Amino acid sequence: MTGVIADRDEKRRQSVLDVKLAGEVQRLLLPKSSPACNWCCMAVRNRMADVLGGDFFDFIELKDGCQVLFVGDVTGHGLHASVVMSLVYGFIHRATQDGCAPQALVADLNRFLRTFANRTERLDHFFSATLFFAVIVPETLTMHYVNAGHPASLVKRADEIIKLPATSHPIGYFDEAEFRLGSFQLKAGDRLLLYTDGVIDSSNSQGEMYGAVRLEEAYRRLDGDHITFLDALFEEIARHLGGQPPFDDCTGIVVDFHASMT
């Protein structure tokens, strides 16, 4: 009996180690820092609810000098979400190697996920995600994007907050899906905030979510550069949680625009 218990404990210990190792591998996929460029400053913060998670993001400079910026959230969180996240992340990186059109890329990614979803009725909903995918032209500060069911991105321009709501439904739900392209003209002095729903869905011990209203209020109020702002925002969310462990993965990206390159 003692041997059986020892074997069970060893298997449990090895399982924990395997999950931790998978978490380390997943963190290697995500960028350690944001890119440095002369027309904007970017900062990112990511907090997983568990060792493994479903949030994903990156910054990719294309061969023509345009900047890809994306953030997404796979359905669920934990081990199964990390597997699908890796599929999505790898697909996007490969698809952008020769340049990209946001609308076509997101449509191709949707078809890619549907090939897996169609193999199962029980697990099909796990092969889905929300996604904000954008290409920014540095010379003009024009941003072309697809928001596939993702929380509305926010642009702060002086005292005004401009919302960029979803242009389409999430990816991975329908075989034949239409993804609409949005465009927005950024200006020097603008601040762009992208985030996953873990930011606004963070709940305290009373079940009260941080919410979109608090987020917009903090966006108006918090000062400082892109790094200072994002640190202060995540500190406010932590205070709201009041020691509660996060239920969902939480990611925030801030981009401060200086001037076009013309």
Protein backbone atom coordinates (compact mmCIF):
# COMPACT_ATOMS: atom_id res chain seq x y z
CA MET A 1 0.00 0.00 0.00
CA THR A 2 2.86 2.33 0.85
CA GLY A 3 4.34 1.75 -2.60
CA VAL A 4 1.05 2.56 -4.32
CA ILE A 5 0.75 5.85 -2.41
CA ALA A 6 4.36 6.72 -3.22
CA ASP A 7 3.78 6.05 -6.93
CA ARG A 8 0.62 8.16 -6.89
CA ASP A 9 2.43 11.03 -5.15
CA GLU A 10 5.30 10.82 -7.62
CA LYS A 11 2.92 10.94 -10.58
CA ARG A 12 1.15 13.94 -9.04
CA ARG A 13 4.48 15.69 -8.49
CA GLN A 14 5.56 14.96 -12.05
CA SER A 15 2.24 16.26 -13.37
CA VAL A 16 2.74 19.54 -11.51
CA LEU A 17 6.27 19.83 -12.90
CA ASP A 18 5.00 19.15 -16.43
CA VAL A 19 2.41 21.93 -16.14
CA LYS A 20 5.05 24.34 -14.82
CA LEU A 21 7.34 23.43 -17.72
CA ALA A 22 4.48 23.96 -20.19
CA GLY A 23 3.91 27.36 -18.60
CA GLU A 24 7.56 28.28 -19.11
CA VAL A 25 7.37 27.22 -22.75
CA GLN A 26 4.20 29.26 -23.26
CA ARG A 27 5.82 32.36 -21.77
CA LEU A 28 8.66 31.96 -24.28
CA LEU A 29 6.12 32.37 -27.09
CA LEU A 30 4.98 35.77 -25.85
CA PRO A 31 7.26 38.81 -26.27
CA LYS A 32 9.38 39.73 -23.27
CA SER A 33 9.09 43.45 -24.07
CA SER A 34 7.55 45.77 -26.62
CA PRO A 35 9.51 46.94 -29.67
CA ALA A 36 11.36 50.25 -29.73
CA CYS A 37 10.48 52.64 -32.56
CA ASN A 38 10.71 56.35 -33.21
CA TRP A 39 7.04 57.02 -33.97
CA CYS A 40 5.40 55.40 -30.93
CA CYS A 41 6.04 53.79 -27.54
CA MET A 42 4.41 50.49 -26.53
CA ALA A 43 4.00 48.75 -23.21
CA VAL A 44 2.34 45.46 -22.26
CA ARG A 45 1.33 43.76 -19.01
CA ASN A 46 0.10 40.18 -18.79
CA ARG A 47 -1.16 38.31 -15.73
CA MET A 48 -2.32 34.72 -16.09
CA ALA A 49 -5.02 33.34 -13.81
CA ASP A 50 -3.13 30.05 -13.69
CA VAL A 51 0.22 28.66 -14.79
CA LEU A 52 -1.17 28.31 -18.31
CA GLY A 53 -3.57 30.67 -20.02
CA GLY A 54 -5.41 31.66 -23.17
CA ASP A 55 -4.45 35.31 -23.65
CA PHE A 56 -2.05 36.02 -26.50
CA PHE A 57 -0.48 39.14 -28.01
CA ASP A 58 2.49 40.33 -30.02
CA PHE A 59 4.07 43.12 -32.05
CA ILE A 60 5.38 42.20 -35.51
CA GLU A 61 7.18 44.58 -37.85
CA LEU A 62 6.43 43.69 -41.47
CA LYS A 63 8.95 43.81 -44.29
CA ASP A 64 7.35 46.98 -45.67
CA GLY A 65 7.82 48.73 -42.31
CA CYS A 66 4.19 48.49 -41.19
CA GLN A 67 3.52 47.42 -37.62
CA VAL A 68 1.25 44.49 -36.75
CA LEU A 69 -0.31 44.66 -33.31
CA PHE A 70 -2.67 42.01 -31.98
CA VAL A 71 -4.22 40.80 -28.76
CA GLY A 72 -6.65 37.93 -28.28
CA ASP A 73 -8.32 35.67 -25.78
CA VAL A 74 -9.01 31.99 -26.42
CA THR A 75 -12.22 30.57 -24.96
CA GLY A 76 -11.63 29.36 -21.39
CA HIS A 77 -8.34 29.37 -19.53
CA GLY A 78 -5.85 26.84 -18.28
CA LEU A 79 -4.30 23.88 -20.10
CA HIS A 80 -6.80 23.45 -22.95
CA ALA A 81 -6.80 27.20 -23.68
CA SER A 82 -3.00 27.23 -23.82
CA VAL A 83 -3.05 24.52 -26.52
CA VAL A 84 -5.46 26.46 -28.73
CA MET A 85 -3.60 29.70 -27.98
CA SER A 86 -0.40 28.13 -29.31
CA LEU A 87 -2.18 27.11 -32.52
CA VAL A 88 -3.51 30.62 -33.06
CA TYR A 89 -0.24 32.30 -32.16
CA GLY A 90 1.76 30.13 -34.53
CA PHE A 91 -0.72 30.62 -37.37
CA ILE A 92 -0.57 34.41 -37.10
CA HIS A 93 3.22 34.48 -37.04
CA ARG A 94 3.45 32.28 -40.14
CA ALA A 95 0.72 34.20 -41.97
CA THR A 96 2.47 37.55 -41.50
CA GLN A 97 5.81 36.45 -42.95
CA ASP A 98 5.00 37.80 -46.39
CA GLY A 99 2.92 40.79 -45.34
CA CYS A 100 -0.73 40.71 -44.46
CA ALA A 101 -4.18 42.14 -44.99
CA PRO A 102 -6.06 42.01 -41.65
CA GLN A 103 -9.40 41.00 -43.12
CA ALA A 104 -7.97 38.10 -45.15
CA LEU A 105 -5.72 36.90 -42.33
CA VAL A 106 -8.55 36.76 -39.78
CA ALA A 107 -10.79 34.94 -42.26
CA ASP A 108 -8.04 32.38 -42.91
CA LEU A 109 -7.49 31.97 -39.17
CA ASN A 110 -11.21 31.35 -38.70
CA ARG A 111 -11.15 28.58 -41.32
CA PHE A 112 -8.06 27.11 -39.64
CA LEU A 113 -9.82 26.87 -36.27
CA ARG A 114 -12.96 25.47 -37.83
CA THR A 115 -11.00 22.51 -39.24
CA PHE A 116 -10.42 21.41 -35.64
CA ALA A 117 -13.82 22.44 -34.28
CA ASN A 118 -15.57 20.36 -36.92
CA ARG A 119 -13.89 17.23 -35.60
CA THR A 120 -15.85 17.29 -32.34
CA GLU A 121 -19.23 18.42 -31.08
CA ARG A 122 -18.24 18.17 -27.43
CA LEU A 123 -15.13 20.35 -27.62
CA ASP A 124 -15.81 22.51 -30.67
CA HIS A 125 -16.40 25.72 -28.65
CA PHE A 126 -12.85 25.57 -27.29
CA PHE A 127 -11.49 26.27 -30.80
CA SER A 128 -12.65 29.86 -30.70
CA ALA A 129 -11.30 33.21 -29.59
CA THR A 130 -11.79 36.93 -29.60
CA LEU A 131 -9.15 38.89 -31.47
CA PHE A 132 -8.13 42.46 -32.17
CA PHE A 133 -5.72 42.42 -35.12
CA ALA A 134 -4.35 45.66 -36.56
CA VAL A 135 -1.79 46.92 -39.05
CA ILE A 136 -0.50 50.46 -38.48
CA VAL A 137 1.18 52.46 -41.25
CA PRO A 138 3.90 54.53 -39.51
CA GLU A 139 4.11 57.16 -42.28
CA THR A 140 0.47 58.16 -41.89
CA LEU A 141 -0.50 56.67 -38.49
CA THR A 142 -3.42 54.98 -40.24
CA MET A 143 -4.62 51.82 -38.51
CA HIS A 144 -6.53 49.10 -40.36
CA TYR A 145 -8.01 46.48 -38.06
CA VAL A 146 -10.45 43.67 -37.46
CA ASN A 147 -12.05 43.41 -34.05
CA ALA A 148 -13.47 39.89 -33.91
CA GLY A 149 -15.68 39.98 -30.83
CA HIS A 150 -12.96 41.51 -28.66
CA PRO A 151 -13.55 44.22 -26.02
CA ALA A 152 -13.61 47.68 -27.57
CA SER A 153 -10.20 49.27 -27.90
CA LEU A 154 -9.97 52.80 -26.50
CA VAL A 155 -8.22 55.83 -27.99
CA LYS A 156 -7.55 58.75 -25.66
CA ARG A 157 -7.29 62.02 -27.58
CA ALA A 158 -6.88 64.98 -25.21
CA ASP A 159 -9.96 64.69 -22.94
CA GLU A 160 -11.94 62.54 -25.37
CA ILE A 161 -12.25 58.73 -25.23
CA ILE A 162 -12.97 57.13 -28.60
CA LYS A 163 -14.21 53.53 -28.64
CA LEU A 164 -13.36 51.09 -31.42
CA PRO A 165 -16.04 48.41 -30.94
CA ALA A 166 -16.14 44.96 -32.49
CA THR A 167 -16.43 44.86 -36.27
CA SER A 168 -17.26 41.15 -36.39
CA HIS A 169 -18.12 38.14 -34.24
CA PRO A 170 -15.39 36.01 -32.59
CA ILE A 171 -13.33 33.59 -34.67
CA GLY A 172 -13.90 29.84 -34.71
CA TYR A 173 -17.71 29.76 -34.49
CA PHE A 174 -18.91 29.65 -38.10
CA ASP A 175 -17.55 27.95 -41.22
CA GLU A 176 -18.68 30.76 -43.50
CA ALA A 177 -17.98 33.97 -41.66
CA GLU A 178 -17.63 37.58 -42.74
CA PHE A 179 -15.04 39.75 -41.00
CA ARG A 180 -15.38 43.47 -41.56
CA LEU A 181 -12.38 45.77 -41.78
CA GLY A 182 -12.24 48.93 -39.72
CA SER A 183 -9.93 51.91 -40.21
CA PHE A 184 -8.97 54.67 -37.82
CA GLN A 185 -6.78 57.73 -38.32
CA LEU A 186 -4.49 58.09 -35.34
CA LYS A 187 -2.81 61.38 -34.49
CA ALA A 188 0.33 62.43 -32.64
CA GLY A 189 -0.52 62.59 -28.94
CA ASP A 190 -3.08 59.78 -29.09
CA ARG A 191 -2.93 56.89 -26.63
CA LEU A 192 -4.32 53.48 -27.68
CA LEU A 193 -5.41 50.95 -25.05
CA LEU A 194 -6.01 47.29 -25.91
CA TYR A 195 -7.05 44.77 -23.27
CA THR A 196 -8.63 41.38 -22.72
CA ASP A 197 -11.89 40.90 -20.85
CA GLY A 198 -10.00 39.73 -17.75
CA VAL A 199 -9.31 43.42 -17.09
CA ILE A 200 -12.96 44.48 -16.81
CA ASP A 201 -14.26 41.12 -15.51
CA SER A 202 -11.88 41.06 -12.51
CA SER A 203 -14.16 40.59 -9.49
CA ASN A 204 -13.61 41.24 -5.79
CA SER A 205 -14.87 39.14 -2.87
CA GLN A 206 -18.34 40.73 -3.20
CA GLY A 207 -18.54 39.64 -6.82
CA GLU A 208 -18.26 43.22 -8.08
CA MET A 209 -16.45 43.46 -11.41
CA TYR A 210 -13.91 46.17 -12.14
CA GLY A 211 -16.00 46.98 -15.19
CA ALA A 212 -15.82 49.17 -18.29
CA VAL A 213 -16.91 52.32 -16.43
CA ARG A 214 -14.02 52.11 -13.95
CA LEU A 215 -11.62 51.36 -16.78
CA GLU A 216 -12.64 54.46 -18.74
CA GLU A 217 -12.46 56.59 -15.60
CA ALA A 218 -8.95 55.32 -14.86
CA TYR A 219 -7.99 55.89 -18.49
CA ARG A 220 -8.94 59.56 -18.17
CA ARG A 221 -7.40 60.06 -14.74
CA LEU A 222 -4.11 58.16 -14.65
CA ASP A 223 -1.13 60.17 -15.85
CA GLY A 224 2.43 59.33 -16.81
CA ASP A 225 4.05 57.67 -19.78
CA HIS A 226 2.90 54.39 -21.31
CA ILE A 227 4.73 52.24 -18.74
CA THR A 228 3.72 54.33 -15.73
CA PHE A 229 0.09 54.35 -16.84
CA LEU A 230 -0.10 50.60 -17.37
CA ASP A 231 1.60 49.85 -14.04
CA ALA A 232 -0.86 52.16 -12.25
CA LEU A 233 -3.83 50.55 -14.00
CA PHE A 234 -2.82 47.02 -12.98
CA GLU A 235 -2.20 48.24 -9.42
CA GLU A 236 -5.76 49.62 -9.33
CA ILE A 237 -7.15 46.32 -10.58
CA ALA A 238 -5.17 44.47 -7.89
CA ARG A 239 -6.58 46.79 -5.21
CA HIS A 240 -10.07 46.17 -6.55
CA LEU A 241 -9.52 42.42 -6.24
CA GLY A 242 -8.55 42.97 -2.61
CA GLY A 243 -6.48 39.81 -2.41
CA GLN A 244 -8.85 37.70 -4.48
CA PRO A 245 -6.99 35.50 -6.98
CA PRO A 246 -7.74 36.47 -10.59
CA PHE A 247 -10.40 34.29 -12.21
CA ASP A 248 -9.35 35.05 -15.79
CA ASP A 249 -6.20 35.97 -17.67
CA CYS A 250 -5.60 39.70 -17.85
CA THR A 251 -3.64 41.55 -20.56
CA GLY A 252 -3.25 45.25 -21.30
CA ILE A 253 -1.33 47.01 -24.09
CA VAL A 254 -0.75 50.76 -24.37
CA VAL A 255 0.59 52.57 -27.44
CA ASP A 256 1.54 56.25 -27.28
CA PHE A 257 1.86 57.89 -30.70
CA HIS A 258 4.40 60.64 -31.23
CA ALA A 259 4.27 61.68 -34.88
CA SER A 260 4.08 60.25 -38.36
CA MET A 261 7.29 59.56 -40.24
CA THR A 262 6.45 61.88 -43.15
